C-alpha atoms as a PDB file:
ATOM      1  CA  MET A   1     145.256  93.858 153.810  1.00  0.00           C
ATOM      2  CA  LEU A   2     148.701  92.254 154.096  1.00  0.00           C
ATOM      3  CA  ILE A   3     149.530  89.518 151.584  1.00  0.00           C
ATOM      4  CA  ASP A   4     152.351  87.083 152.233  1.00  0.00           C
ATOM      5  CA  LEU A   5     154.634  86.831 149.187  1.00  0.00           C
ATOM      6  CA  CYS A   6     157.282  84.651 150.826  1.00  0.00           C
ATOM      7  CA  GLN A   7     156.441  81.478 148.915  1.00  0.00           C
ATOM      8  CA  GLN A   8     156.268  83.226 145.541  1.00  0.00           C
ATOM      9  CA  LEU A   9     159.491  85.196 146.010  1.00  0.00           C
ATOM     10  CA  GLY A  10     161.655  83.007 148.206  1.00  0.00           C
ATOM     11  CA  LEU A  11     162.150  86.078 150.397  1.00  0.00           C
ATOM     12  CA  SER A  12     160.414  87.280 153.564  1.00  0.00           C
ATOM     13  CA  VAL A  13     158.124  89.871 151.982  1.00  0.00           C
ATOM     14  CA  MET A  14     154.610  91.120 152.735  1.00  0.00           C
ATOM     15  CA  LEU A  15     152.546  93.315 150.402  1.00  0.00           C
ATOM     16  CA  ASP A  16     150.195  95.946 151.784  1.00  0.00           C
ATOM     17  CA  GLU A  17     147.563  95.777 149.044  1.00  0.00           C
ATOM     18  CA  ALA A  18     145.985  99.067 150.154  1.00  0.00           C
ATOM     19  CA  THR A  19     149.173 101.130 149.785  1.00  0.00           C
ATOM     20  CA  GLY A  20     151.266  99.014 147.409  1.00  0.00           C
ATOM     21  CA  ARG A  21     154.225  99.030 149.793  1.00  0.00           C
ATOM     22  CA  LEU A  22     156.375  96.011 150.569  1.00  0.00           C
ATOM     23  CA  TYR A  23     157.486  95.055 154.071  1.00  0.00           C
ATOM     24  CA  PHE A  24     160.429  92.787 154.771  1.00  0.00           C
ATOM     25  CA  ASP A  25     160.534  90.599 157.870  1.00  0.00           C
ATOM     26  CA  ASP A  26     164.305  90.281 157.822  1.00  0.00           C
ATOM     27  CA  PRO A  27     166.295  93.191 159.326  1.00  0.00           C
ATOM     28  CA  ALA A  28     168.759  92.898 156.427  1.00  0.00           C
ATOM     29  CA  PHE A  29     166.263  94.733 154.230  1.00  0.00           C
ATOM     30  CA  VAL A  30     166.236  98.381 155.212  1.00  0.00           C
ATOM     31  CA  GLY A  31     165.784 101.713 153.518  1.00  0.00           C
ATOM     32  CA  GLU A  32     163.127 103.358 151.401  1.00  0.00           C
ATOM     33  CA  PRO A  33     162.401 102.238 147.831  1.00  0.00           C
ATOM     34  CA  GLY A  34     163.042 104.400 144.824  1.00  0.00           C
ATOM     35  CA  VAL A  35     159.875 106.173 143.680  1.00  0.00           C
ATOM     36  CA  CYS A  36     158.728 107.003 140.164  1.00  0.00           C
ATOM     37  CA  ARG A  37     156.384 109.966 140.381  1.00  0.00           C
ATOM     38  CA  LEU A  38     153.856 111.398 137.963  1.00  0.00           C
ATOM     39  CA  GLU A  39     156.206 114.247 137.098  1.00  0.00           C
ATOM     40  CA  ASP A  40     158.896 111.699 136.167  1.00  0.00           C
ATOM     41  CA  MET A  41     156.506 110.130 133.649  1.00  0.00           C
ATOM     42  CA  ARG A  42     155.169 113.204 131.828  1.00  0.00           C
ATOM     43  CA  ASP A  43     157.458 112.762 128.811  1.00  0.00           C
ATOM     44  CA  VAL A  44     156.240 109.212 128.051  1.00  0.00           C
ATOM     45  CA  LEU A  45     152.496 109.657 128.613  1.00  0.00           C
ATOM     46  CA  LEU A  46     149.788 109.730 125.968  1.00  0.00           C
ATOM     47  CA  ASP A  47     148.443 112.819 127.770  1.00  0.00           C
ATOM     48  CA  PRO A  48     151.322 114.654 129.465  1.00  0.00           C
ATOM     49  CA  ASN A  49     148.835 116.836 131.344  1.00  0.00           C
ATOM     50  CA  ALA A  50     146.828 113.960 132.800  1.00  0.00           C
ATOM     51  CA  ARG A  51     146.168 113.861 136.522  1.00  0.00           C
ATOM     52  CA  ALA A  52     146.937 110.862 138.734  1.00  0.00           C
ATOM     53  CA  PRO A  53     148.378 110.026 142.171  1.00  0.00           C
ATOM     54  CA  ASP A  54     151.842 111.463 142.768  1.00  0.00           C
ATOM     55  CA  GLU A  55     153.586 108.104 143.317  1.00  0.00           C
ATOM     56  CA  LEU A  56     153.018 105.632 140.477  1.00  0.00           C
ATOM     57  CA  TYR A  57     155.485 102.849 141.210  1.00  0.00           C
ATOM     58  CA  TRP A  58     158.245 101.810 143.586  1.00  0.00           C
ATOM     59  CA  LEU A  59     161.600 100.160 142.915  1.00  0.00           C
ATOM     60  CA  TYR A  60     163.312  97.954 145.473  1.00  0.00           C
ATOM     61  CA  ARG A  61     166.796  97.641 143.983  1.00  0.00           C
ATOM     62  CA  ASP A  62     169.363  94.979 144.933  1.00  0.00           C
ATOM     63  CA  THR A  63     166.908  93.154 147.182  1.00  0.00           C
ATOM     64  CA  MET A  64     168.807  90.191 148.624  1.00  0.00           C
ATOM     65  CA  PHE A  65     170.163  88.713 151.797  1.00  0.00           C
ATOM     66  CA  PRO A  66     173.750  89.834 152.604  1.00  0.00           C
ATOM     67  CA  ALA A  67     174.898  86.199 152.572  1.00  0.00           C
ATOM     68  CA  ASP A  68     173.701  85.863 148.961  1.00  0.00           C
ATOM     69  CA  ARG A  69     175.362  88.967 147.538  1.00  0.00           C
ATOM     70  CA  GLU A  70     178.561  87.163 146.643  1.00  0.00           C
ATOM     71  CA  THR A  71     176.672  84.573 144.561  1.00  0.00           C
ATOM     72  CA  PHE A  72     174.842  87.268 142.594  1.00  0.00           C
ATOM     73  CA  SER A  73     178.015  89.341 142.230  1.00  0.00           C
ATOM     74  CA  GLU A  74     180.117  86.435 140.945  1.00  0.00           C
ATOM     75  CA  ALA A  75     177.349  85.568 138.467  1.00  0.00           C
ATOM     76  CA  GLY A  76     177.265  89.211 137.309  1.00  0.00           C
ATOM     77  CA  LEU A  77     173.557  89.543 138.069  1.00  0.00           C
ATOM     78  CA  ARG A  78     171.300  92.236 139.541  1.00  0.00           C
ATOM     79  CA  TYR A  79     167.969  91.409 141.196  1.00  0.00           C
ATOM     80  CA  GLY A  80     165.192  93.630 142.473  1.00  0.00           C
ATOM     81  CA  LEU A  81     161.458  94.142 142.916  1.00  0.00           C
ATOM     82  CA  VAL A  82     158.994  96.605 141.390  1.00  0.00           C
ATOM     83  CA  VAL A  83     155.456  97.490 142.522  1.00  0.00           C
ATOM     84  CA  LEU A  84     153.039  99.364 140.236  1.00  0.00           C
ATOM     85  CA  ARG A  85     149.901 100.790 141.784  1.00  0.00           C
ATOM     86  CA  PRO A  86     146.621 100.043 139.968  1.00  0.00           C
ATOM     87  CA  GLY A  87     144.684 102.759 138.195  1.00  0.00           C
ATOM     88  CA  LEU A  88     144.897 105.190 135.300  1.00  0.00           C
ATOM     89  CA  VAL A  89     146.875 108.235 134.219  1.00  0.00           C
ATOM     90  CA  GLY A  90     144.289 109.894 132.047  1.00  0.00           C
ATOM     91  CA  ARG A  91     143.201 107.051 129.746  1.00  0.00           C
ATOM     92  CA  GLU A  92     146.383 105.025 130.228  1.00  0.00           C
ATOM     93  CA  TYR A  93     146.895 102.211 132.663  1.00  0.00           C
ATOM     94  CA  ILE A  94     149.765 102.895 135.039  1.00  0.00           C
ATOM     95  CA  LYS A  95     153.028 101.731 133.495  1.00  0.00           C
ATOM     96  CA  THR A  96     156.795 101.864 133.854  1.00  0.00           C
ATOM     97  CA  LYS A  97     158.732 104.488 131.914  1.00  0.00           C
ATOM     98  CA  GLY A  98     160.121 101.995 129.406  1.00  0.00           C
ATOM     99  CA  HIS A  99     163.681 101.437 128.254  1.00  0.00           C
ATOM    100  CA  TYR A 100     166.126  99.480 126.171  1.00  0.00           C
ATOM    101  CA  HIS A 101     169.110  97.767 127.709  1.00  0.00           C
ATOM    102  CA  THR A 102     172.575  98.858 126.748  1.00  0.00           C
ATOM    103  CA  TRP A 103     174.503  97.091 124.016  1.00  0.00           C
ATOM    104  CA  PRO A 104     177.733  95.454 125.265  1.00  0.00           C
ATOM    105  CA  ALA A 105     180.852  94.849 123.132  1.00  0.00           C
ATOM    106  CA  ASP A 106     178.638  93.419 120.379  1.00  0.00           C
ATOM    107  CA  PRO A 107     176.793  96.514 119.077  1.00  0.00           C
ATOM    108  CA  GLU A 108     174.098  94.368 117.446  1.00  0.00           C
ATOM    109  CA  TRP A 109     172.698  92.591 120.502  1.00  0.00           C
ATOM    110  CA  SER A 110     171.678  94.139 123.821  1.00  0.00           C
ATOM    111  CA  TYR A 111     171.274  92.542 127.236  1.00  0.00           C
ATOM    112  CA  PRO A 112     168.135  90.432 127.868  1.00  0.00           C
ATOM    113  CA  GLU A 113     166.193  90.321 131.144  1.00  0.00           C
ATOM    114  CA  VAL A 114     163.873  87.964 133.031  1.00  0.00           C
ATOM    115  CA  TYR A 115     160.720  89.086 134.845  1.00  0.00           C
ATOM    116  CA  GLU A 116     158.762  87.090 137.411  1.00  0.00           C
ATOM    117  CA  VAL A 117     155.181  88.213 137.979  1.00  0.00           C
ATOM    118  CA  VAL A 118     154.461  87.745 141.684  1.00  0.00           C
ATOM    119  CA  HIS A 119     151.090  89.449 142.238  1.00  0.00           C
ATOM    120  CA  GLY A 120     148.538  90.887 139.838  1.00  0.00           C
ATOM    121  CA  CYS A 121     148.280  90.932 136.051  1.00  0.00           C
ATOM    122  CA  ALA A 122     150.752  92.602 133.679  1.00  0.00           C
ATOM    123  CA  TRP A 123     150.823  93.499 130.025  1.00  0.00           C
ATOM    124  CA  PHE A 124     154.370  93.695 128.733  1.00  0.00           C
ATOM    125  CA  VAL A 125     154.881  95.882 125.673  1.00  0.00           C
ATOM    126  CA  LEU A 126     157.885  94.516 123.758  1.00  0.00           C
ATOM    127  CA  GLN A 127     159.326  96.271 120.714  1.00  0.00           C
ATOM    128  CA  ARG A 128     162.176  94.530 118.925  1.00  0.00           C
ATOM    129  CA  VAL A 129     164.702  96.448 116.840  1.00  0.00           C
ATOM    130  CA  ARG A 130     167.597  95.377 114.642  1.00  0.00           C
ATOM    131  CA  ASP A 131     170.329  97.245 116.509  1.00  0.00           C
ATOM    132  CA  ARG A 132     171.148 100.331 118.558  1.00  0.00           C
ATOM    133  CA  GLN A 133     170.763 102.706 115.620  1.00  0.00           C
ATOM    134  CA  ALA A 134     167.308 101.352 114.801  1.00  0.00           C
ATOM    135  CA  ALA A 135     166.244 101.822 118.437  1.00  0.00           C
ATOM    136  CA  ALA A 136     167.312 105.453 118.350  1.00  0.00           C
ATOM    137  CA  ALA A 137     165.442 106.022 115.071  1.00  0.00           C
ATOM    138  CA  GLY A 138     162.277 104.275 116.282  1.00  0.00           C
ATOM    139  CA  HIS A 139     162.402 101.603 113.556  1.00  0.00           C
ATOM    140  CA  ILE A 140     160.529  98.674 115.119  1.00  0.00           C
ATOM    141  CA  GLU A 141     160.695  95.176 113.568  1.00  0.00           C
ATOM    142  CA  TRP A 142     158.145  93.484 115.838  1.00  0.00           C
ATOM    143  CA  LEU A 143     155.685  94.871 118.388  1.00  0.00           C
ATOM    144  CA  GLY A 144     153.963  92.676 120.947  1.00  0.00           C
ATOM    145  CA  CYS A 145     151.715  92.993 123.995  1.00  0.00           C
ATOM    146  CA  VAL A 146     152.048  89.933 126.193  1.00  0.00           C
ATOM    147  CA  GLU A 147     149.811  89.241 129.175  1.00  0.00           C
ATOM    148  CA  ALA A 148     151.414  87.503 132.155  1.00  0.00           C
ATOM    149  CA  ASN A 149     149.902  86.616 135.508  1.00  0.00           C
ATOM    150  CA  ALA A 150     151.195  85.743 138.954  1.00  0.00           C
ATOM    151  CA  GLY A 151     153.523  82.754 138.882  1.00  0.00           C
ATOM    152  CA  GLU A 152     154.730  83.295 135.300  1.00  0.00           C
ATOM    153  CA  LEU A 153     158.249  84.080 134.094  1.00  0.00           C
ATOM    154  CA  LEU A 154     158.792  86.240 131.018  1.00  0.00           C
ATOM    155  CA  LEU A 155     161.979  86.603 129.009  1.00  0.00           C
ATOM    156  CA  VAL A 156     162.710  90.010 127.482  1.00  0.00           C
ATOM    157  CA  PRO A 157     165.079  89.064 124.613  1.00  0.00           C
ATOM    158  CA  GLY A 158     167.988  91.201 123.536  1.00  0.00           C
ATOM    159  CA  ASN A 159     167.175  94.206 121.340  1.00  0.00           C
ATOM    160  CA  CYS A 160     163.703  94.522 122.862  1.00  0.00           C
ATOM    161  CA  GLY A 161     162.595  97.788 124.375  1.00  0.00           C
ATOM    162  CA  HIS A 162     159.960  97.135 127.008  1.00  0.00           C
ATOM    163  CA  VAL A 163     157.270  98.678 129.187  1.00  0.00           C
ATOM    164  CA  THR A 164     155.355  96.976 132.002  1.00  0.00           C
ATOM    165  CA  VAL A 165     151.687  97.925 132.436  1.00  0.00           C
ATOM    166  CA  ASN A 166     149.408  97.154 135.388  1.00  0.00           C
ATOM    167  CA  VAL A 167     146.065  96.265 133.785  1.00  0.00           C
ATOM    168  CA  GLY A 168     144.573  94.816 136.991  1.00  0.00           C
ATOM    169  CA  ASP A 169     142.806  96.341 139.966  1.00  0.00           C
ATOM    170  CA  VAL A 170     145.450  95.337 142.550  1.00  0.00           C
ATOM    171  CA  PRO A 171     149.101  96.320 142.878  1.00  0.00           C
ATOM    172  CA  LEU A 172     151.323  94.593 140.347  1.00  0.00           C
ATOM    173  CA  VAL A 173     154.435  93.091 141.927  1.00  0.00           C
ATOM    174  CA  PHE A 174     157.217  91.602 139.819  1.00  0.00           C
ATOM    175  CA  SER A 175     160.880  90.788 140.227  1.00  0.00           C
ATOM    176  CA  TYR A 176     163.576  91.370 137.628  1.00  0.00           C
ATOM    177  CA  LEU A 177     166.912  89.735 136.916  1.00  0.00           C
ATOM    178  CA  VAL A 178     169.421  91.306 134.560  1.00  0.00           C
ATOM    179  CA  ALA A 179     173.174  91.519 134.000  1.00  0.00           C
ATOM    180  CA  ASP A 180     174.793  93.874 136.460  1.00  0.00           C
ATOM    181  CA  ALA A 181     176.725  95.366 133.532  1.00  0.00           C
ATOM    182  CA  SER A 182     173.467  96.362 131.823  1.00  0.00           C
ATOM    183  CA  ALA A 183     172.161  99.912 132.097  1.00  0.00           C
ATOM    184  CA  ASN A 184     168.800 101.345 131.053  1.00  0.00           C
ATOM    185  CA  ASP A 185     168.555 103.548 127.970  1.00  0.00           C
ATOM    186  CA  TYR A 186     165.389 105.672 128.216  1.00  0.00           C
ATOM    187  CA  GLY A 187     166.303 107.968 125.327  1.00  0.00           C
ATOM    188  CA  PRO A 188     164.223 106.423 122.489  1.00  0.00           C
ATOM    189  CA  PHE A 189     161.119 106.312 124.706  1.00  0.00           C
ATOM    190  CA  LEU A 190     161.523 109.936 125.733  1.00  0.00           C
ATOM    191  CA  THR A 191     162.007 111.019 122.114  1.00  0.00           C
ATOM    192  CA  ALA A 192     158.847 109.242 120.920  1.00  0.00           C
ATOM    193  CA  ARG A 193     156.768 109.960 124.051  1.00  0.00           C
ATOM    194  CA  GLY A 194     156.578 106.337 125.127  1.00  0.00           C
ATOM    195  CA  ALA A 195     156.528 102.914 123.514  1.00  0.00           C
ATOM    196  CA  ALA A 196     155.203 102.180 120.032  1.00  0.00           C
ATOM    197  CA  CYS A 197     151.769 101.651 121.568  1.00  0.00           C
ATOM    198  CA  TYR A 198     149.841 102.773 124.634  1.00  0.00           C
ATOM    199  CA  ILE A 199     147.591 100.592 126.764  1.00  0.00           C
ATOM    200  CA  VAL A 200     144.405 102.559 127.422  1.00  0.00           C
ATOM    201  CA  GLU A 201     141.052 101.881 129.034  1.00  0.00           C
ATOM    202  CA  GLN A 202     138.156 101.447 126.627  1.00  0.00           C
ATOM    203  CA  HIS A 203     134.783 100.060 127.703  1.00  0.00           C
ATOM    204  CA  SER A 204     136.378  99.177 131.077  1.00  0.00           C
ATOM    205  CA  ARG A 205     138.979  96.966 129.388  1.00  0.00           C
ATOM    206  CA  PRO A 206     142.608  97.468 128.314  1.00  0.00           C
ATOM    207  CA  THR A 207     142.996  98.309 124.635  1.00  0.00           C
ATOM    208  CA  ILE A 208     146.064  98.833 122.458  1.00  0.00           C
ATOM    209  CA  LEU A 209     146.437 102.310 120.939  1.00  0.00           C
ATOM    210  CA  PRO A 210     149.288 102.846 118.416  1.00  0.00           C
ATOM    211  CA  ASN A 211     151.770 105.648 119.053  1.00  0.00           C
ATOM    212  CA  VAL A 212     151.803 107.674 115.814  1.00  0.00           C
ATOM    213  CA  ARG A 213     155.264 109.073 116.572  1.00  0.00           C
ATOM    214  CA  TYR A 214     156.874 105.803 115.435  1.00  0.00           C
ATOM    215  CA  PRO A 215     157.586 105.665 111.680  1.00  0.00           C
ATOM    216  CA  ALA A 216     155.982 102.657 110.006  1.00  0.00           C
ATOM    217  CA  SER A 217     155.628 100.657 113.218  1.00  0.00           C
ATOM    218  CA  PRO A 218     154.200  97.149 112.664  1.00  0.00           C
ATOM    219  CA  ALA A 219     150.748  96.301 113.963  1.00  0.00           C
ATOM    220  CA  PRO A 220     150.933  95.160 117.591  1.00  0.00           C
ATOM    221  CA  GLN A 221     150.356  91.472 118.286  1.00  0.00           C
ATOM    222  CA  PHE A 222     148.559  90.529 121.505  1.00  0.00           C
ATOM    223  CA  ALA A 223     149.090  87.140 123.136  1.00  0.00           C
ATOM    224  CA  GLN A 224     148.900  85.361 126.444  1.00  0.00           C
ATOM    225  CA  LEU A 225     152.350  84.384 127.659  1.00  0.00           C
ATOM    226  CA  ALA A 226     151.298  80.724 127.449  1.00  0.00           C
ATOM    227  CA  GLN A 227     150.984  81.224 123.679  1.00  0.00           C
ATOM    228  CA  MET A 228     154.580  82.536 123.355  1.00  0.00           C
ATOM    229  CA  PRO A 229     156.994  79.690 124.149  1.00  0.00           C
ATOM    230  CA  SER A 230     159.990  81.730 122.983  1.00  0.00           C
ATOM    231  CA  LEU A 231     159.321  84.189 125.826  1.00  0.00           C
ATOM    232  CA  GLN A 232     159.079  81.530 128.543  1.00  0.00           C
ATOM    233  CA  PRO A 233     162.507  80.813 130.043  1.00  0.00           C
ATOM    234  CA  ARG A 234     163.006  77.253 131.273  1.00  0.00           C
ATOM    235  CA  LEU A 235     163.893  78.213 134.798  1.00  0.00           C
ATOM    236  CA  SER A 236     162.649  77.068 138.174  1.00  0.00           C
ATOM    237  CA  LYS A 237     160.786  79.353 140.571  1.00  0.00           C
ATOM    238  CA  PRO A 238     161.097  81.415 142.596  1.00  0.00           C
ATOM    239  CA  LEU A 239     163.650  83.237 140.475  1.00  0.00           C
ATOM    240  CA  TYR A 240     165.737  84.346 143.450  1.00  0.00           C
ATOM    241  CA  ARG A 241     166.230  80.789 144.690  1.00  0.00           C
ATOM    242  CA  SER A 242     166.889  79.565 141.166  1.00  0.00           C
ATOM    243  CA  VAL A 243     169.953  81.816 140.952  1.00  0.00           C
ATOM    244  CA  LEU A 244     171.277  80.505 144.258  1.00  0.00           C
ATOM    245  CA  ARG A 245     170.837  76.889 143.145  1.00  0.00           C
ATOM    246  CA  SER A 246     172.248  77.191 139.620  1.00  0.00           C
ATOM    247  CA  PRO A 247     173.908  80.553 138.864  1.00  0.00           C
ATOM    248  CA  ASP A 248     175.555  79.141 135.722  1.00  0.00           C
ATOM    249  CA  ARG A 249     172.140  78.713 134.099  1.00  0.00           C
ATOM    250  CA  PHE A 250     171.877  82.500 133.844  1.00  0.00           C
ATOM    251  CA  ARG A 251     174.921  83.117 131.664  1.00  0.00           C
ATOM    252  CA  PHE A 252     172.538  83.971 128.817  1.00  0.00           C
ATOM    253  CA  LEU A 253     171.834  87.234 130.669  1.00  0.00           C
ATOM    254  CA  THR A 254     175.473  88.281 130.925  1.00  0.00           C
ATOM    255  CA  GLN A 255     176.678  86.972 127.524  1.00  0.00           C
ATOM    256  CA  PRO A 256     173.961  88.069 125.071  1.00  0.00           C
ATOM    257  CA  SER A 257     176.107  87.567 121.970  1.00  0.00           C
ATOM    258  CA  ALA A 258     176.572  83.871 122.813  1.00  0.00           C
ATOM    259  CA  PHE A 259     172.885  83.268 123.571  1.00  0.00           C
ATOM    260  CA  ARG A 260     170.795  85.152 121.031  1.00  0.00           C
ATOM    261  CA  LEU A 261     167.220  84.637 122.227  1.00  0.00           C
ATOM    262  CA  GLU A 262     164.772  86.278 119.842  1.00  0.00           C
ATOM    263  CA  ALA A 263     161.082  87.058 120.351  1.00  0.00           C
END
């Protein structure tokens, strides 16, 4: 079944719900997506020997019309799409690998990011740390699991490591917007075999399971995104078109020290 995502994304995109692949009507979008495979995820899984489909999620990096590249480049922003297939890896719901963003000149505050859920239901695991050293040591100040559904925007504040989990029974599609200068630091997640908690199936429902490899991690807090106003950026949708209309509104992504947005 093909699902038209054009209105939600502001781009000519169709989702094949059976395969999880995206198809672009415009000839400007060519090439195969990046693929995260089961073998790529072994080091962050609750059960590293669990069996699952080979391809777990797909990354469509720098997805934009050629005519819009200059606007995104001048704003210092990077935009793309991610699709997570539904299902389980052992007991865990399929998830992204998880990462922190790099710390710029200010070593105490890393780059934030904005996600736009386009299709499906996501749980975002957010783990806030004080600084880069605390991230490396696994010292978490706040741990949250936030549910977001199609049509919702979520802000990942600076200093928040994050994992996206598909807890639904359809492919999860979301877009991301982040500073082009930001890079992903997977190291703390690899060291601790994932985030400070896992999202597992229990009685046919997602349940939070603490990761015992984190020293003195706080108890995870679950909330609907609607209950977390600090994580709801005041931006128009779709996110892609919002950048084209008002690129200056996104300076908080490229200048994290000037716009400290805490969870």
